């Protein structure tokens, strides 16, 4: 009879207790950090990662080349699409469609912890603002 740990090992368990996450700051972002759990957020191909936004940190108007599913674990994240602001408090989920122009960021008061994953690489492509 297999032990529980033998069964888990045979299933290729991926395990990241919070203390084992390796946080890396994204250069030029003003303090946004990520911790990969599968793949690499800054590499090519699929990934799954935790992302930490400092409280009050805003992104410029931008798009992503691929859909961006996101689970908000802490804080209140927001997105502004077509002039409408939607807030996503902890426990929320959203899936931004590829090439949808938007602003996003973390409300003031508390850092935002997100879990994001994509079928292909992450990117943030700034776009000109609508006039």
N, C-alpha and C. Protein backbone atom coordinates (compact mmCIF):
# COMPACT_ATOMS: atom_id res chain seq x y z
N UNK A 1 0.84 -1.18 0.00
CA UNK A 1 0.00 0.00 0.00
C UNK A 1 0.89 1.25 0.00
N UNK A 2 0.59 2.21 -0.86
CA UNK A 2 1.38 3.44 -0.95
C UNK A 2 1.01 4.39 0.18
N UNK A 3 2.02 5.11 0.66
CA UNK A 3 1.76 6.14 1.65
C UNK A 3 1.24 7.38 0.94
N UNK A 4 0.67 8.30 1.71
CA UNK A 4 0.14 9.55 1.11
C UNK A 4 1.25 10.30 0.39
N UNK A 5 2.46 10.37 0.97
CA UNK A 5 3.54 11.11 0.32
C UNK A 5 3.99 10.41 -0.97
N UNK A 6 3.97 9.08 -0.99
CA UNK A 6 4.34 8.36 -2.21
C UNK A 6 3.32 8.62 -3.31
N UNK A 7 2.05 8.67 -2.95
CA UNK A 7 1.01 8.96 -3.93
C UNK A 7 1.20 10.37 -4.48
N UNK A 8 1.45 11.35 -3.61
CA UNK A 8 1.64 12.72 -4.05
C UNK A 8 2.84 12.84 -4.97
N UNK A 9 3.93 12.18 -4.63
CA UNK A 9 5.12 12.24 -5.48
C UNK A 9 4.84 11.62 -6.85
N UNK A 10 4.06 10.56 -6.88
CA UNK A 10 3.77 9.92 -8.16
C UNK A 10 2.86 10.78 -9.03
N UNK A 11 2.18 11.77 -8.44
CA UNK A 11 1.31 12.67 -9.19
C UNK A 11 2.03 13.96 -9.59
N UNK A 12 3.34 14.05 -9.36
CA UNK A 12 4.13 15.23 -9.69
C UNK A 12 3.59 16.48 -8.99
N UNK A 13 3.43 16.38 -7.71
CA UNK A 13 2.92 17.47 -6.90
C UNK A 13 3.75 18.73 -7.09
N UNK A 14 3.06 19.83 -7.27
CA UNK A 14 3.71 21.15 -7.24
C UNK A 14 3.21 21.80 -5.97
N UNK A 15 4.13 22.19 -5.10
CA UNK A 15 3.76 22.67 -3.78
C UNK A 15 4.57 23.91 -3.43
N UNK A 16 3.88 25.01 -3.11
CA UNK A 16 4.54 26.25 -2.73
C UNK A 16 3.90 26.86 -1.49
N UNK A 17 4.26 26.38 -0.30
CA UNK A 17 3.81 27.09 0.89
C UNK A 17 4.30 28.54 0.79
N UNK A 18 3.55 29.47 1.38
CA UNK A 18 3.87 30.90 1.24
C UNK A 18 5.33 31.20 1.56
N UNK A 19 5.90 30.54 2.56
CA UNK A 19 7.29 30.81 2.96
C UNK A 19 8.29 30.39 1.88
N UNK A 20 7.89 29.53 0.96
CA UNK A 20 8.80 29.04 -0.07
C UNK A 20 8.73 29.83 -1.38
N UNK A 21 7.80 30.78 -1.48
CA UNK A 21 7.70 31.58 -2.70
C UNK A 21 8.94 32.45 -2.85
N UNK A 22 9.43 32.56 -4.06
CA UNK A 22 10.62 33.39 -4.36
C UNK A 22 10.14 34.62 -5.12
N UNK A 23 10.12 35.76 -4.44
CA UNK A 23 9.61 37.01 -5.01
C UNK A 23 10.68 37.74 -5.81
N UNK A 24 10.30 38.22 -7.00
CA UNK A 24 11.20 38.96 -7.88
C UNK A 24 10.49 40.24 -8.28
N UNK A 25 11.20 41.37 -8.21
CA UNK A 25 10.60 42.64 -8.63
C UNK A 25 10.70 42.79 -10.14
N UNK A 26 9.58 43.17 -10.77
CA UNK A 26 9.59 43.45 -12.20
C UNK A 26 10.29 44.79 -12.42
N UNK A 27 11.38 44.82 -13.16
CA UNK A 27 12.13 46.07 -13.37
C UNK A 27 11.24 47.15 -14.00
N UNK A 28 11.41 48.37 -13.52
CA UNK A 28 10.73 49.52 -14.10
C UNK A 28 9.25 49.62 -13.79
N UNK A 29 8.76 48.87 -12.78
CA UNK A 29 7.32 48.87 -12.49
C UNK A 29 6.97 49.61 -11.19
N UNK A 30 7.96 50.12 -10.49
CA UNK A 30 7.65 50.81 -9.24
C UNK A 30 7.27 49.89 -8.11
N UNK A 31 7.82 48.69 -8.10
CA UNK A 31 7.63 47.81 -6.95
C UNK A 31 6.73 46.61 -7.16
N UNK A 32 6.22 46.37 -8.36
CA UNK A 32 5.40 45.18 -8.60
C UNK A 32 6.32 43.96 -8.56
N UNK A 33 5.90 42.93 -7.80
CA UNK A 33 6.69 41.71 -7.65
C UNK A 33 5.87 40.51 -8.07
N UNK A 34 6.56 39.44 -8.45
CA UNK A 34 5.89 38.20 -8.79
C UNK A 34 6.65 37.01 -8.23
N UNK A 35 5.92 35.91 -8.03
CA UNK A 35 6.51 34.65 -7.58
C UNK A 35 5.90 33.55 -8.45
N UNK A 36 6.73 32.96 -9.30
CA UNK A 36 6.27 31.89 -10.18
C UNK A 36 5.96 30.63 -9.39
N UNK A 37 4.91 29.92 -9.81
CA UNK A 37 4.64 28.60 -9.26
C UNK A 37 4.67 27.53 -10.36
N UNK A 38 4.49 27.95 -11.60
CA UNK A 38 4.62 27.04 -12.75
C UNK A 38 4.97 27.91 -13.95
N UNK A 39 5.98 27.52 -14.70
CA UNK A 39 6.42 28.36 -15.81
C UNK A 39 7.09 29.61 -15.29
N UNK A 40 7.12 30.64 -16.14
CA UNK A 40 7.80 31.88 -15.76
C UNK A 40 7.04 33.07 -16.34
N UNK A 41 6.53 33.93 -15.48
CA UNK A 41 5.76 35.10 -15.90
C UNK A 41 6.53 35.93 -16.93
N UNK A 42 7.84 36.03 -16.80
CA UNK A 42 8.63 36.85 -17.73
C UNK A 42 9.24 36.04 -18.86
N UNK A 43 8.92 34.76 -18.93
CA UNK A 43 9.48 33.91 -19.99
C UNK A 43 8.51 33.74 -21.15
N UNK A 44 8.71 32.68 -21.89
CA UNK A 44 7.82 32.35 -23.00
C UNK A 44 6.98 31.15 -22.57
N UNK A 45 5.76 31.10 -23.04
CA UNK A 45 4.91 29.96 -22.74
C UNK A 45 4.02 30.20 -21.54
N UNK A 46 3.27 29.16 -21.17
CA UNK A 46 2.30 29.29 -20.08
C UNK A 46 2.99 29.50 -18.73
N UNK A 47 2.26 30.12 -17.82
CA UNK A 47 2.76 30.34 -16.47
C UNK A 47 1.60 30.46 -15.50
N UNK A 48 1.91 30.29 -14.23
CA UNK A 48 1.01 30.58 -13.12
C UNK A 48 1.88 31.28 -12.09
N UNK A 49 1.39 32.41 -11.55
CA UNK A 49 2.22 33.19 -10.63
C UNK A 49 1.37 34.03 -9.69
N UNK A 50 1.92 34.26 -8.51
CA UNK A 50 1.38 35.27 -7.61
C UNK A 50 1.97 36.61 -8.03
N UNK A 51 1.19 37.67 -7.94
CA UNK A 51 1.65 39.01 -8.30
C UNK A 51 1.27 39.94 -7.15
N UNK A 52 2.23 40.74 -6.69
CA UNK A 52 2.01 41.66 -5.58
C UNK A 52 2.14 43.10 -6.08
N UNK A 53 1.05 43.85 -5.97
CA UNK A 53 1.03 45.27 -6.35
C UNK A 53 1.08 46.11 -5.08
N UNK A 54 1.98 47.09 -5.01
CA UNK A 54 1.96 48.01 -3.87
C UNK A 54 0.64 48.79 -3.84
N UNK A 55 0.17 49.08 -2.65
CA UNK A 55 -1.04 49.89 -2.49
C UNK A 55 -0.88 51.20 -3.25
N UNK A 56 -1.89 51.59 -4.00
CA UNK A 56 -1.87 52.84 -4.75
C UNK A 56 -1.15 52.79 -6.08
N UNK A 57 -0.60 51.63 -6.45
CA UNK A 57 0.13 51.49 -7.71
C UNK A 57 -0.84 51.38 -8.88
N UNK A 58 -0.65 52.23 -9.89
CA UNK A 58 -1.49 52.25 -11.08
C UNK A 58 -0.67 51.82 -12.30
N UNK A 59 -1.31 51.12 -13.22
CA UNK A 59 -0.71 50.80 -14.51
C UNK A 59 -1.13 51.84 -15.53
N UNK A 60 -0.31 52.07 -16.56
CA UNK A 60 -0.72 52.97 -17.64
C UNK A 60 -1.81 52.30 -18.49
N UNK A 61 -2.41 53.06 -19.39
CA UNK A 61 -3.39 52.52 -20.34
C UNK A 61 -2.66 51.48 -21.19
N UNK A 62 -3.20 50.24 -21.26
CA UNK A 62 -2.47 49.17 -21.92
C UNK A 62 -3.40 48.05 -22.37
N UNK A 63 -2.81 47.09 -23.08
CA UNK A 63 -3.48 45.85 -23.48
C UNK A 63 -2.54 44.69 -23.16
N UNK A 64 -3.11 43.49 -23.22
CA UNK A 64 -2.32 42.26 -23.11
C UNK A 64 -2.57 41.46 -24.39
N UNK A 65 -1.58 40.73 -24.86
CA UNK A 65 -1.71 39.95 -26.09
C UNK A 65 -2.58 38.70 -25.90
N UNK A 66 -2.74 38.26 -24.66
CA UNK A 66 -3.50 37.05 -24.37
C UNK A 66 -4.47 37.33 -23.22
N UNK A 67 -5.56 36.56 -23.16
CA UNK A 67 -6.47 36.68 -22.02
C UNK A 67 -5.68 36.62 -20.72
N UNK A 68 -6.16 37.34 -19.70
CA UNK A 68 -5.45 37.38 -18.42
C UNK A 68 -6.42 37.07 -17.28
N UNK A 69 -6.60 35.77 -16.95
CA UNK A 69 -7.41 35.40 -15.80
C UNK A 69 -6.70 35.79 -14.51
N UNK A 70 -7.45 36.35 -13.56
CA UNK A 70 -6.86 36.84 -12.31
C UNK A 70 -7.79 36.56 -11.14
N UNK A 71 -7.22 36.09 -10.05
CA UNK A 71 -7.93 35.93 -8.78
C UNK A 71 -7.31 36.92 -7.81
N UNK A 72 -8.14 37.75 -7.17
CA UNK A 72 -7.67 38.73 -6.19
C UNK A 72 -7.71 38.06 -4.81
N UNK A 73 -6.55 37.97 -4.16
CA UNK A 73 -6.45 37.30 -2.86
C UNK A 73 -6.41 38.27 -1.69
N UNK A 74 -5.93 39.49 -1.95
CA UNK A 74 -5.79 40.49 -0.88
C UNK A 74 -5.90 41.87 -1.50
N UNK A 75 -6.45 42.82 -0.76
CA UNK A 75 -6.56 44.19 -1.26
C UNK A 75 -7.73 44.32 -2.23
N UNK A 76 -7.80 45.49 -2.88
CA UNK A 76 -8.83 45.73 -3.90
C UNK A 76 -8.15 46.20 -5.17
N UNK A 77 -8.21 45.37 -6.19
CA UNK A 77 -7.66 45.69 -7.50
C UNK A 77 -8.78 46.32 -8.32
N UNK A 78 -8.42 47.08 -9.35
CA UNK A 78 -9.46 47.69 -10.18
C UNK A 78 -9.04 47.64 -11.64
N UNK A 79 -10.05 47.78 -12.51
CA UNK A 79 -9.82 47.93 -13.94
C UNK A 79 -10.78 49.00 -14.44
N UNK A 80 -10.29 49.85 -15.34
CA UNK A 80 -11.12 50.86 -15.98
C UNK A 80 -11.17 50.51 -17.46
N UNK A 81 -12.40 50.17 -17.92
CA UNK A 81 -12.61 49.75 -19.30
C UNK A 81 -13.72 50.62 -19.87
N UNK A 82 -13.44 51.27 -21.00
CA UNK A 82 -14.41 52.19 -21.63
C UNK A 82 -14.93 53.22 -20.64
N UNK A 83 -14.02 53.72 -19.79
CA UNK A 83 -14.38 54.76 -18.84
C UNK A 83 -15.11 54.28 -17.60
N UNK A 84 -15.41 52.98 -17.50
CA UNK A 84 -16.12 52.43 -16.35
C UNK A 84 -15.14 51.71 -15.43
N UNK A 85 -15.10 52.14 -14.17
CA UNK A 85 -14.21 51.53 -13.18
C UNK A 85 -14.96 50.42 -12.45
N UNK A 86 -14.33 49.24 -12.41
CA UNK A 86 -14.86 48.11 -11.65
C UNK A 86 -13.82 47.73 -10.62
N UNK A 87 -14.24 47.60 -9.37
CA UNK A 87 -13.33 47.21 -8.30
C UNK A 87 -13.50 45.73 -7.99
N UNK A 88 -12.37 45.09 -7.71
CA UNK A 88 -12.33 43.67 -7.43
C UNK A 88 -11.70 43.45 -6.05
N UNK A 89 -12.51 43.36 -5.00
CA UNK A 89 -11.96 43.10 -3.67
C UNK A 89 -11.50 41.65 -3.55
N UNK A 90 -10.78 41.36 -2.48
CA UNK A 90 -10.30 40.00 -2.23
C UNK A 90 -11.45 39.01 -2.39
N UNK A 91 -11.17 37.91 -3.08
CA UNK A 91 -12.17 36.90 -3.36
C UNK A 91 -12.76 37.02 -4.75
N UNK A 92 -12.38 38.06 -5.49
CA UNK A 92 -12.93 38.29 -6.83
C UNK A 92 -12.11 37.58 -7.90
N UNK A 93 -12.76 37.38 -9.05
CA UNK A 93 -12.12 36.80 -10.23
C UNK A 93 -12.52 37.64 -11.44
N UNK A 94 -11.58 37.83 -12.35
CA UNK A 94 -11.90 38.41 -13.65
C UNK A 94 -10.99 37.79 -14.70
N UNK A 95 -11.43 37.86 -15.95
CA UNK A 95 -10.65 37.33 -17.06
C UNK A 95 -10.66 38.38 -18.17
N UNK A 96 -9.62 39.21 -18.22
CA UNK A 96 -9.54 40.26 -19.23
C UNK A 96 -9.29 39.65 -20.60
N UNK A 97 -10.13 39.96 -21.57
CA UNK A 97 -9.90 39.46 -22.93
C UNK A 97 -8.62 40.07 -23.53
N UNK A 98 -7.99 39.34 -24.40
CA UNK A 98 -6.80 39.83 -25.11
C UNK A 98 -7.15 41.11 -25.86
N UNK A 99 -6.19 42.02 -25.89
CA UNK A 99 -6.25 43.26 -26.67
C UNK A 99 -7.35 44.23 -26.23
N UNK A 100 -7.86 44.08 -25.00
CA UNK A 100 -8.86 45.00 -24.47
C UNK A 100 -8.15 46.17 -23.77
N UNK A 101 -8.21 47.39 -24.33
CA UNK A 101 -7.52 48.53 -23.70
C UNK A 101 -8.13 48.85 -22.33
N UNK A 102 -7.27 49.05 -21.33
CA UNK A 102 -7.74 49.32 -19.98
C UNK A 102 -6.64 49.94 -19.12
N UNK A 103 -7.07 50.57 -18.05
CA UNK A 103 -6.20 50.96 -16.95
C UNK A 103 -6.43 49.91 -15.87
N UNK A 104 -5.45 49.71 -14.98
CA UNK A 104 -5.66 48.83 -13.83
C UNK A 104 -4.70 49.23 -12.74
N UNK A 105 -4.97 48.71 -11.55
CA UNK A 105 -4.08 49.00 -10.44
C UNK A 105 -4.67 48.56 -9.12
N UNK A 106 -3.97 48.94 -8.06
CA UNK A 106 -4.34 48.56 -6.70
C UNK A 106 -4.79 49.81 -5.94
N UNK A 107 -5.95 49.73 -5.31
CA UNK A 107 -6.43 50.85 -4.50
C UNK A 107 -5.43 51.17 -3.38
N UNK A 108 -5.49 52.39 -2.89
CA UNK A 108 -4.65 52.81 -1.77
C UNK A 108 -5.10 52.09 -0.50
N UNK A 109 -4.21 51.99 0.45
CA UNK A 109 -4.58 51.46 1.76
C UNK A 109 -4.05 50.06 2.04
N UNK A 110 -4.00 49.20 1.04
CA UNK A 110 -3.54 47.83 1.26
C UNK A 110 -2.96 47.29 -0.04
N UNK A 111 -1.79 46.63 0.06
CA UNK A 111 -1.22 45.98 -1.13
C UNK A 111 -2.22 44.99 -1.70
N UNK A 112 -2.09 44.71 -2.99
CA UNK A 112 -2.95 43.74 -3.67
C UNK A 112 -2.13 42.49 -4.00
N UNK A 113 -2.64 41.36 -3.59
CA UNK A 113 -2.04 40.08 -3.94
C UNK A 113 -2.97 39.39 -4.93
N UNK A 114 -2.42 39.06 -6.09
CA UNK A 114 -3.19 38.45 -7.17
C UNK A 114 -2.60 37.08 -7.51
N UNK A 115 -3.42 36.22 -8.10
CA UNK A 115 -2.93 35.00 -8.71
C UNK A 115 -3.33 35.08 -10.17
N UNK A 116 -2.33 35.03 -11.07
CA UNK A 116 -2.59 35.16 -12.50
C UNK A 116 -1.99 33.98 -13.24
N UNK A 117 -2.61 33.65 -14.36
CA UNK A 117 -2.11 32.55 -15.18
C UNK A 117 -2.52 32.81 -16.63
N UNK A 118 -1.69 32.38 -17.54
CA UNK A 118 -1.98 32.55 -18.96
C UNK A 118 -1.47 31.34 -19.73
N UNK A 119 -2.11 31.07 -20.86
CA UNK A 119 -1.71 29.96 -21.72
C UNK A 119 -0.44 30.30 -22.50
N UNK A 120 -0.09 31.58 -22.54
CA UNK A 120 1.15 32.01 -23.17
C UNK A 120 1.73 33.14 -22.34
N UNK A 121 2.82 33.68 -22.73
CA UNK A 121 3.59 34.65 -21.95
C UNK A 121 2.78 35.89 -21.54
N UNK A 122 3.23 36.52 -20.46
CA UNK A 122 2.65 37.77 -20.00
C UNK A 122 3.27 38.93 -20.77
N UNK A 123 2.47 39.94 -21.07
CA UNK A 123 3.00 41.20 -21.59
C UNK A 123 2.05 42.32 -21.18
N UNK A 124 2.56 43.51 -21.18
CA UNK A 124 1.79 44.72 -20.92
C UNK A 124 2.23 45.71 -21.99
N UNK A 125 1.34 45.99 -22.93
CA UNK A 125 1.67 46.82 -24.08
C UNK A 125 0.95 48.18 -23.93
N UNK A 126 1.70 49.24 -23.62
CA UNK A 126 1.04 50.56 -23.49
C UNK A 126 0.40 50.97 -24.81
N UNK A 127 -0.74 51.64 -24.70
CA UNK A 127 -1.42 52.16 -25.90
C UNK A 127 -1.75 53.63 -25.66
N UNK A 128 -1.90 54.40 -26.75
CA UNK A 128 -2.27 55.80 -26.64
C UNK A 128 -3.66 55.92 -26.05
N UNK A 129 -3.86 56.96 -25.26
CA UNK A 129 -5.16 57.20 -24.65
C UNK A 129 -6.14 57.74 -25.66
N UNK A 130 -7.41 57.39 -25.46
CA UNK A 130 -8.47 57.94 -26.30
C UNK A 130 -8.64 59.41 -25.98
N UNK A 131 -8.93 60.19 -27.01
CA UNK A 131 -9.14 61.62 -26.79
C UNK A 131 -10.59 61.96 -26.87
